[in-house]
Amino acid sequence: MCEAAAIRWCERYEFGAIALTLTRDKVTILGNVLTEMYEAKLARQFPSRPCRVSLFTPKDESDLIAYELTFWQVAHESTKS
């Protein structure tokens, strides 16, 4: 790798530059993959305690910081009558 290419590579992977390269599609794909990973991990680690994993998508889908991954035990869900 030449020096100029190495500098461009380093600049691209700085924290601030990564934020500029993220898109809604990339965040959604990453969120879906993380959801599946957490579902598998929690099912394996706590087989007798079923859990739910949810990816929250904000109303303003362009607000990439507002996406949230949450999980909880099914036993703690509230029941609606």
N, C-alpha and C. Protein backbone atom coordinates (compact mmCIF):
# COMPACT_ATOMS: atom_id res chain seq x y z
N MET A 1 0.86 -1.17 0.00
CA MET A 1 0.00 0.00 0.00
C MET A 1 0.90 1.23 0.00
N CYS A 2 0.63 2.13 -0.92
CA CYS A 2 1.45 3.33 -0.96
C CYS A 2 1.08 4.27 0.19
N GLU A 3 1.92 5.23 0.45
CA GLU A 3 1.72 6.13 1.59
C GLU A 3 0.41 6.90 1.46
N ALA A 4 0.09 7.41 0.28
CA ALA A 4 -1.15 8.18 0.09
C ALA A 4 -2.37 7.32 0.35
N ALA A 5 -2.33 6.07 -0.13
CA ALA A 5 -3.46 5.16 0.10
C ALA A 5 -3.59 4.83 1.59
N ALA A 6 -2.46 4.67 2.26
CA ALA A 6 -2.48 4.37 3.70
C ALA A 6 -3.09 5.54 4.48
N ILE A 7 -2.75 6.75 4.08
CA ILE A 7 -3.30 7.93 4.76
C ILE A 7 -4.81 8.01 4.53
N ARG A 8 -5.27 7.77 3.28
CA ARG A 8 -6.71 7.79 3.00
C ARG A 8 -7.42 6.71 3.80
N TRP A 9 -6.80 5.51 3.90
CA TRP A 9 -7.41 4.43 4.66
C TRP A 9 -7.56 4.83 6.13
N CYS A 10 -6.52 5.42 6.71
CA CYS A 10 -6.58 5.84 8.12
C CYS A 10 -7.63 6.93 8.32
N GLU A 11 -7.69 7.88 7.41
CA GLU A 11 -8.68 8.95 7.55
C GLU A 11 -10.10 8.39 7.46
N ARG A 12 -10.31 7.44 6.60
CA ARG A 12 -11.66 6.87 6.42
C ARG A 12 -12.12 6.13 7.67
N TYR A 13 -11.20 5.48 8.39
CA TYR A 13 -11.58 4.67 9.53
C TYR A 13 -11.43 5.37 10.87
N GLU A 14 -11.21 6.66 10.86
CA GLU A 14 -11.30 7.42 12.10
C GLU A 14 -12.75 7.46 12.53
N PHE A 15 -13.01 7.61 13.81
CA PHE A 15 -14.39 7.58 14.31
C PHE A 15 -15.30 8.57 13.59
N GLY A 16 -14.86 9.81 13.45
CA GLY A 16 -15.69 10.82 12.80
C GLY A 16 -16.00 10.50 11.36
N ALA A 17 -15.06 9.92 10.66
CA ALA A 17 -15.27 9.58 9.25
C ALA A 17 -16.27 8.44 9.11
N ILE A 18 -16.25 7.51 10.05
CA ILE A 18 -17.19 6.39 9.98
C ILE A 18 -18.62 6.91 10.10
N ALA A 19 -18.84 7.85 10.99
CA ALA A 19 -20.18 8.40 11.14
C ALA A 19 -20.67 9.02 9.84
N LEU A 20 -19.76 9.58 9.06
CA LEU A 20 -20.16 10.20 7.80
C LEU A 20 -20.49 9.17 6.74
N THR A 21 -19.97 7.94 6.85
CA THR A 21 -20.22 6.93 5.84
C THR A 21 -21.41 6.04 6.17
N LEU A 22 -21.99 6.18 7.34
CA LEU A 22 -23.17 5.39 7.70
C LEU A 22 -24.40 5.89 6.96
N THR A 23 -25.28 4.95 6.63
CA THR A 23 -26.55 5.29 6.02
C THR A 23 -27.65 4.55 6.76
N ARG A 24 -28.88 4.95 6.52
CA ARG A 24 -30.02 4.29 7.16
C ARG A 24 -30.04 2.81 6.82
N ASP A 25 -29.75 2.48 5.56
CA ASP A 25 -29.74 1.07 5.14
C ASP A 25 -28.69 0.26 5.90
N LYS A 26 -27.50 0.83 6.05
CA LYS A 26 -26.43 0.13 6.77
C LYS A 26 -26.79 -0.07 8.24
N VAL A 27 -27.38 0.95 8.86
CA VAL A 27 -27.76 0.83 10.26
C VAL A 27 -28.86 -0.21 10.43
N THR A 28 -29.81 -0.24 9.51
CA THR A 28 -30.90 -1.23 9.58
C THR A 28 -30.36 -2.64 9.42
N ILE A 29 -29.47 -2.85 8.47
CA ILE A 29 -28.89 -4.17 8.26
C ILE A 29 -28.09 -4.59 9.49
N LEU A 30 -27.26 -3.69 10.01
CA LEU A 30 -26.49 -3.99 11.21
C LEU A 30 -27.41 -4.29 12.39
N GLY A 31 -28.46 -3.50 12.54
CA GLY A 31 -29.42 -3.73 13.63
C GLY A 31 -30.09 -5.08 13.52
N ASN A 32 -30.47 -5.49 12.31
CA ASN A 32 -31.11 -6.79 12.13
C ASN A 32 -30.15 -7.94 12.43
N VAL A 33 -28.89 -7.80 12.03
CA VAL A 33 -27.89 -8.83 12.32
C VAL A 33 -27.65 -8.91 13.82
N LEU A 34 -27.52 -7.76 14.48
CA LEU A 34 -27.32 -7.76 15.93
C LEU A 34 -28.52 -8.35 16.66
N THR A 35 -29.72 -8.09 16.15
CA THR A 35 -30.93 -8.67 16.75
C THR A 35 -30.86 -10.19 16.71
N GLU A 36 -30.53 -10.74 15.55
CA GLU A 36 -30.41 -12.20 15.42
C GLU A 36 -29.31 -12.75 16.32
N MET A 37 -28.19 -12.04 16.41
CA MET A 37 -27.09 -12.50 17.26
C MET A 37 -27.52 -12.53 18.74
N TYR A 38 -28.17 -11.47 19.19
CA TYR A 38 -28.62 -11.43 20.58
C TYR A 38 -29.67 -12.50 20.86
N GLU A 39 -30.59 -12.73 19.91
CA GLU A 39 -31.60 -13.78 20.10
C GLU A 39 -30.92 -15.13 20.29
N ALA A 40 -29.95 -15.44 19.45
CA ALA A 40 -29.24 -16.71 19.55
C ALA A 40 -28.44 -16.80 20.84
N LYS A 41 -27.73 -15.73 21.19
CA LYS A 41 -26.91 -15.74 22.41
C LYS A 41 -27.76 -15.91 23.66
N LEU A 42 -28.85 -15.16 23.74
CA LEU A 42 -29.71 -15.24 24.92
C LEU A 42 -30.40 -16.59 25.02
N ALA A 43 -30.82 -17.15 23.89
CA ALA A 43 -31.46 -18.47 23.89
C ALA A 43 -30.48 -19.55 24.35
N ARG A 44 -29.22 -19.42 23.95
CA ARG A 44 -28.21 -20.40 24.35
C ARG A 44 -27.81 -20.21 25.81
N GLN A 45 -27.66 -18.96 26.24
CA GLN A 45 -27.20 -18.69 27.60
C GLN A 45 -28.30 -18.91 28.64
N PHE A 46 -29.55 -18.62 28.26
CA PHE A 46 -30.67 -18.73 29.20
C PHE A 46 -31.79 -19.55 28.56
N PRO A 47 -31.58 -20.85 28.35
CA PRO A 47 -32.59 -21.66 27.64
C PRO A 47 -33.93 -21.75 28.36
N SER A 48 -33.95 -21.63 29.67
CA SER A 48 -35.21 -21.73 30.41
C SER A 48 -35.85 -20.36 30.66
N ARG A 49 -35.24 -19.31 30.14
CA ARG A 49 -35.77 -17.96 30.32
C ARG A 49 -35.88 -17.27 28.95
N PRO A 50 -36.96 -17.52 28.24
CA PRO A 50 -37.10 -16.94 26.90
C PRO A 50 -37.02 -15.41 26.94
N CYS A 51 -36.36 -14.86 25.94
CA CYS A 51 -36.17 -13.41 25.84
C CYS A 51 -36.66 -12.92 24.48
N ARG A 52 -36.99 -11.66 24.45
CA ARG A 52 -37.33 -10.99 23.19
C ARG A 52 -36.27 -9.93 22.93
N VAL A 53 -35.98 -9.74 21.66
CA VAL A 53 -35.01 -8.72 21.24
C VAL A 53 -35.72 -7.86 20.21
N SER A 54 -35.58 -6.55 20.36
CA SER A 54 -36.29 -5.63 19.48
C SER A 54 -35.35 -4.53 19.00
N LEU A 55 -35.47 -4.23 17.71
CA LEU A 55 -34.74 -3.10 17.13
C LEU A 55 -35.72 -1.95 16.98
N PHE A 56 -35.47 -0.88 17.71
CA PHE A 56 -36.32 0.32 17.64
C PHE A 56 -35.84 1.18 16.48
N THR A 57 -36.77 1.52 15.60
CA THR A 57 -36.49 2.43 14.49
C THR A 57 -37.19 3.75 14.79
N PRO A 58 -36.46 4.85 14.85
CA PRO A 58 -37.07 6.14 15.20
C PRO A 58 -37.99 6.64 14.08
N LYS A 59 -38.89 7.56 14.43
CA LYS A 59 -39.77 8.17 13.42
C LYS A 59 -38.94 8.84 12.34
N ASP A 60 -37.90 9.55 12.76
CA ASP A 60 -36.98 10.17 11.81
C ASP A 60 -35.88 9.16 11.51
N GLU A 61 -36.06 8.37 10.48
CA GLU A 61 -35.13 7.29 10.17
C GLU A 61 -33.74 7.78 9.80
N SER A 62 -33.61 9.07 9.52
CA SER A 62 -32.29 9.60 9.19
C SER A 62 -31.47 9.91 10.45
N ASP A 63 -32.10 9.85 11.63
CA ASP A 63 -31.41 10.07 12.90
C ASP A 63 -30.73 8.76 13.31
N LEU A 64 -29.54 8.53 12.80
CA LEU A 64 -28.87 7.24 12.95
C LEU A 64 -28.48 6.93 14.39
N ILE A 65 -28.38 7.93 15.23
CA ILE A 65 -28.02 7.73 16.63
C ILE A 65 -29.21 7.23 17.44
N ALA A 66 -30.42 7.43 16.96
CA ALA A 66 -31.63 7.11 17.72
C ALA A 66 -32.06 5.65 17.62
N TYR A 67 -31.45 4.87 16.75
CA TYR A 67 -31.80 3.44 16.65
C TYR A 67 -31.36 2.76 17.94
N GLU A 68 -32.20 1.84 18.45
CA GLU A 68 -31.88 1.17 19.72
C GLU A 68 -32.18 -0.31 19.63
N LEU A 69 -31.32 -1.10 20.23
CA LEU A 69 -31.53 -2.53 20.36
C LEU A 69 -31.82 -2.80 21.83
N THR A 70 -32.97 -3.40 22.12
CA THR A 70 -33.32 -3.71 23.50
C THR A 70 -33.70 -5.18 23.61
N PHE A 71 -33.55 -5.72 24.81
CA PHE A 71 -33.98 -7.10 25.05
C PHE A 71 -34.51 -7.22 26.47
N TRP A 72 -35.40 -8.19 26.66
CA TRP A 72 -36.01 -8.41 27.96
C TRP A 72 -36.51 -9.84 28.03
N GLN A 73 -36.78 -10.28 29.25
CA GLN A 73 -37.34 -11.61 29.45
C GLN A 73 -38.82 -11.59 29.17
N VAL A 74 -39.31 -12.61 28.50
CA VAL A 74 -40.73 -12.72 28.19
C VAL A 74 -41.55 -12.73 29.48
N ALA A 75 -41.02 -13.33 30.54
CA ALA A 75 -41.72 -13.41 31.82
C ALA A 75 -42.04 -12.04 32.39
N HIS A 76 -41.32 -11.01 31.98
CA HIS A 76 -41.53 -9.66 32.50
C HIS A 76 -42.38 -8.78 31.61
N GLU A 77 -42.94 -9.36 30.55
CA GLU A 77 -43.81 -8.59 29.68
C GLU A 77 -45.13 -8.34 30.39
N SER A 78 -45.69 -7.18 30.19
CA SER A 78 -46.99 -6.90 30.78
C SER A 78 -48.06 -7.53 29.89
N THR A 79 -49.11 -8.01 30.50
CA THR A 79 -50.22 -8.60 29.74
C THR A 79 -51.35 -7.58 29.67
N LYS A 80 -51.84 -7.36 28.46
CA LYS A 80 -52.93 -6.41 28.27
C LYS A 80 -54.25 -7.17 28.27
N SER A 81 -55.22 -6.66 29.00
CA SER A 81 -56.52 -7.32 29.09
C SER A 81 -57.49 -6.70 28.12
